[in-house]
Amino acid sequence: MRWVALFEDKTEGAADIRARFTDAHQAYLRANRGKIVLAGAMRADPDGKPVGGLWVFEADSRQEVEDIIRQDPFQREGLRAVTRIYAWGTAPGYEDVAIAPKD
């Protein structure tokens, strides 16, 4: 089943947390590439600073998604002010669109 996680970063101290833990966060995303099939930062403008993130999962349960998120360095270090998790379906006409990363 597909799931989506939307993250909103806290405003105070976010830049410091990002600076210190971006490498660990990116390594964590790569290590979980089989479950996290798309991930990236959200910005108000293409060149703007990150204000959150969006991940798309292929996971069996909400609990599995929560467990993966809980271990992310950005989550552990308090960057995320809000985390929302949703089950995500595919709209008619998009069933054949692959979202898995290409190796």
Protein backbone atom coordinates (compact mmCIF):
# COMPACT_ATOMS: atom_id res chain seq x y z
CA MET A 1 0.00 0.00 0.00
CA ARG A 2 1.14 3.54 -0.68
CA TRP A 3 1.47 6.09 2.08
CA VAL A 4 2.49 9.74 2.10
CA ALA A 5 4.19 11.63 4.92
CA LEU A 6 4.15 15.43 4.96
CA PHE A 7 6.59 17.19 7.24
CA GLU A 8 6.56 20.81 8.39
CA ASP A 9 9.78 22.01 9.99
CA LYS A 10 9.95 24.10 13.12
CA THR A 11 11.13 27.66 12.55
CA GLU A 12 13.49 28.14 15.50
CA GLY A 13 16.77 26.25 15.12
CA ALA A 14 15.84 24.50 11.88
CA ALA A 15 18.86 25.74 9.94
CA ASP A 16 21.23 24.45 12.63
CA ILE A 17 19.60 21.00 12.72
CA ARG A 18 19.67 20.78 8.93
CA ALA A 19 23.32 21.82 8.81
CA ARG A 20 24.36 19.22 11.38
CA PHE A 21 22.21 16.27 10.26
CA THR A 22 21.65 16.55 6.49
CA ASP A 23 24.31 13.94 5.65
CA ALA A 24 22.86 11.46 8.16
CA HIS A 25 19.32 12.19 6.98
CA GLN A 26 20.23 11.61 3.33
CA ALA A 27 22.07 8.40 4.19
CA TYR A 28 18.97 7.25 6.09
CA LEU A 29 16.77 7.94 3.06
CA ARG A 30 19.11 5.92 0.83
CA ALA A 31 19.18 3.05 3.34
CA ASN A 32 15.37 2.90 3.27
CA ARG A 33 14.98 3.30 -0.47
CA GLY A 34 12.97 0.09 -0.74
CA LYS A 35 10.22 1.49 1.48
CA ILE A 36 10.63 5.22 0.78
CA VAL A 37 10.15 5.39 -2.98
CA LEU A 38 10.20 9.20 -3.34
CA ALA A 39 11.46 11.85 -0.95
CA GLY A 40 12.38 15.49 -1.04
CA ALA A 41 12.34 18.86 0.66
CA MET A 42 9.45 21.28 0.25
CA ARG A 43 10.13 24.97 -0.36
CA ALA A 44 7.90 27.99 -0.96
CA ASP A 45 9.98 28.80 -4.06
CA PRO A 46 12.39 26.64 -6.09
CA ASP A 47 15.41 28.50 -4.68
CA GLY A 48 13.96 28.99 -1.20
CA LYS A 49 15.03 27.37 2.02
CA PRO A 50 13.46 24.04 2.97
CA VAL A 51 10.34 24.33 5.12
CA GLY A 52 9.48 20.64 5.31
CA GLY A 53 9.44 17.49 3.28
CA LEU A 54 7.34 14.89 1.51
CA TRP A 55 7.94 11.15 1.37
CA VAL A 56 6.04 8.49 -0.56
CA PHE A 57 6.15 4.98 0.90
CA GLU A 58 5.38 1.45 -0.21
CA ALA A 59 4.64 -0.13 3.16
CA ASP A 60 2.32 -2.74 4.61
CA SER A 61 0.97 -0.62 7.47
CA ARG A 62 0.81 2.81 9.06
CA GLN A 63 2.86 1.39 11.93
CA GLU A 64 5.67 0.50 9.54
CA VAL A 65 5.65 4.06 8.17
CA GLU A 66 5.68 5.53 11.69
CA ASP A 67 8.61 3.31 12.66
CA ILE A 68 10.65 4.41 9.64
CA ILE A 69 9.92 8.08 10.28
CA ARG A 70 10.77 7.80 13.98
CA GLN A 71 14.34 6.72 13.18
CA ASP A 72 15.06 9.52 10.68
CA PRO A 73 17.79 11.84 12.04
CA PHE A 74 15.73 14.96 11.26
CA GLN A 75 12.81 13.51 13.24
CA ARG A 76 15.00 12.33 16.14
CA GLU A 77 16.78 15.68 16.41
CA GLY A 78 13.55 17.68 16.57
CA LEU A 79 13.47 19.36 13.15
CA ARG A 80 9.90 18.37 12.42
CA ALA A 81 7.17 20.48 14.03
CA VAL A 82 4.35 18.58 12.33
CA THR A 83 4.26 15.14 10.74
CA ARG A 84 1.16 13.98 8.90
CA ILE A 85 0.73 10.47 7.50
CA TYR A 86 -1.93 9.54 4.95
CA ALA A 87 -2.86 6.40 3.06
CA TRP A 88 -2.58 7.34 -0.61
CA GLY A 89 -4.51 5.83 -3.50
CA THR A 90 -3.90 6.06 -7.20
CA ALA A 91 -6.26 8.17 -9.33
CA PRO A 92 -7.92 6.49 -12.31
CA GLY A 93 -5.68 6.70 -15.33
CA TYR A 94 -2.46 6.66 -13.28
CA GLU A 95 -2.37 2.96 -12.38
CA ASP A 96 0.51 2.31 -14.78
CA VAL A 97 2.73 5.16 -13.55
CA ALA A 98 5.71 3.73 -11.67
CA ILE A 99 7.01 5.66 -8.68
CA ALA A 100 9.77 3.28 -7.69
CA PRO A 101 13.30 4.65 -8.11
CA LYS A 102 15.19 3.59 -11.19
CA ASP A 103 18.55 1.98 -10.58
